[in-house]
Amino acid sequence: MRCSGIVKKHSGHTRPQRPVISLDQPGRLRVCHVICLLAISHSTFYAGLKQLKYPAPDGFDGRLPFWKTTTIRAFLEGSVK
């Protein structure tokens, strides 16, 4: 699954669209999907990963991290820190 297309340009940065996949179904989310769901910038997301504010990736496809939909759903519901 690739990241969604670009919605609009804002201040020189692009904003990804929400993922098409439902969080109720099994699947993998990329960085662009997670930052869209959390409504934060990529720099805020990576800083939060270093501070353990956001869940660590569930795995890597080569060098690209991914998160399972169950992990992100649990984080958004507040049951995982």
Protein backbone atom coordinates (compact mmCIF):
# COMPACT_ATOMS: atom_id res chain seq x y z
CA MET A 1 0.00 0.00 0.00
CA ARG A 2 1.47 3.35 -0.97
CA CYS A 3 0.88 6.68 0.66
CA SER A 4 -2.10 8.57 -0.66
CA GLY A 5 -1.87 11.47 -3.07
CA ILE A 6 -1.24 15.05 -2.19
CA VAL A 7 -4.24 17.16 -1.17
CA LYS A 8 -2.77 20.65 -1.30
CA LYS A 9 0.40 22.58 -0.74
CA HIS A 10 0.63 24.64 2.40
CA SER A 11 3.72 26.63 3.30
CA GLY A 12 5.90 24.50 1.05
CA HIS A 13 4.87 21.27 2.77
CA THR A 14 2.45 18.68 1.49
CA ARG A 15 -0.34 17.19 3.53
CA PRO A 16 -1.17 13.51 2.99
CA GLN A 17 -4.73 12.29 2.74
CA ARG A 18 -6.26 9.99 5.33
CA PRO A 19 -5.58 6.32 4.64
CA VAL A 20 -8.21 4.44 2.69
CA ILE A 21 -7.83 1.38 4.92
CA SER A 22 -10.10 1.06 7.94
CA LEU A 23 -8.48 0.74 11.35
CA ASP A 24 -10.99 -2.03 12.12
CA GLN A 25 -9.46 -4.30 9.49
CA PRO A 26 -5.95 -5.80 9.47
CA GLY A 27 -3.39 -3.87 7.50
CA ARG A 28 -0.22 -1.84 7.58
CA LEU A 29 0.13 1.91 7.88
CA ARG A 30 3.09 3.96 6.73
CA VAL A 31 4.48 7.14 8.30
CA CYS A 32 2.35 9.35 6.05
CA HIS A 33 -0.82 7.56 7.18
CA VAL A 34 0.05 7.76 10.87
CA ILE A 35 0.89 11.47 10.81
CA CYS A 36 -2.37 12.14 9.02
CA LEU A 37 -4.37 10.20 11.61
CA LEU A 38 -2.58 12.01 14.44
CA ALA A 39 -2.84 15.39 12.66
CA ILE A 40 0.81 16.28 13.31
CA SER A 41 3.82 17.12 11.16
CA HIS A 42 6.48 14.60 10.27
CA SER A 43 9.09 16.41 12.37
CA THR A 44 6.78 16.33 15.41
CA PHE A 45 6.14 12.64 14.79
CA TYR A 46 9.83 11.70 14.59
CA ALA A 47 10.62 13.79 17.67
CA GLY A 48 7.79 11.99 19.51
CA LEU A 49 9.14 8.60 18.41
CA LYS A 50 12.52 9.45 19.94
CA GLN A 51 10.80 10.50 23.19
CA LEU A 52 8.67 7.31 23.14
CA LYS A 53 5.51 9.42 22.92
CA TYR A 54 4.22 7.39 19.95
CA PRO A 55 4.33 3.62 19.45
CA ALA A 56 7.42 2.15 17.84
CA PRO A 57 7.04 0.59 14.38
CA ASP A 58 5.77 -2.98 14.30
CA GLY A 59 8.23 -3.84 11.56
CA PHE A 60 10.16 -2.72 8.52
CA ASP A 61 9.81 -3.46 4.81
CA GLY A 62 13.43 -2.99 3.93
CA ARG A 63 14.14 0.42 5.43
CA LEU A 64 10.52 1.63 5.55
CA PRO A 65 8.74 1.36 8.91
CA PHE A 66 5.14 0.25 9.21
CA TRP A 67 2.57 0.05 11.98
CA LYS A 68 -0.25 -2.46 12.18
CA THR A 69 -3.73 -0.97 12.23
CA THR A 70 -4.36 -2.66 15.57
CA THR A 71 -1.38 -0.85 17.12
CA ILE A 72 -2.52 2.58 15.92
CA ARG A 73 -6.16 1.91 16.87
CA ALA A 74 -5.06 0.94 20.41
CA PHE A 75 -2.89 4.08 20.64
CA LEU A 76 -5.74 6.33 19.49
CA GLU A 77 -8.10 4.71 22.00
CA GLY A 78 -5.56 5.40 24.73
CA SER A 79 -4.77 1.84 25.74
CA VAL A 80 -1.14 1.99 24.50
CA LYS A 81 1.46 4.64 25.24
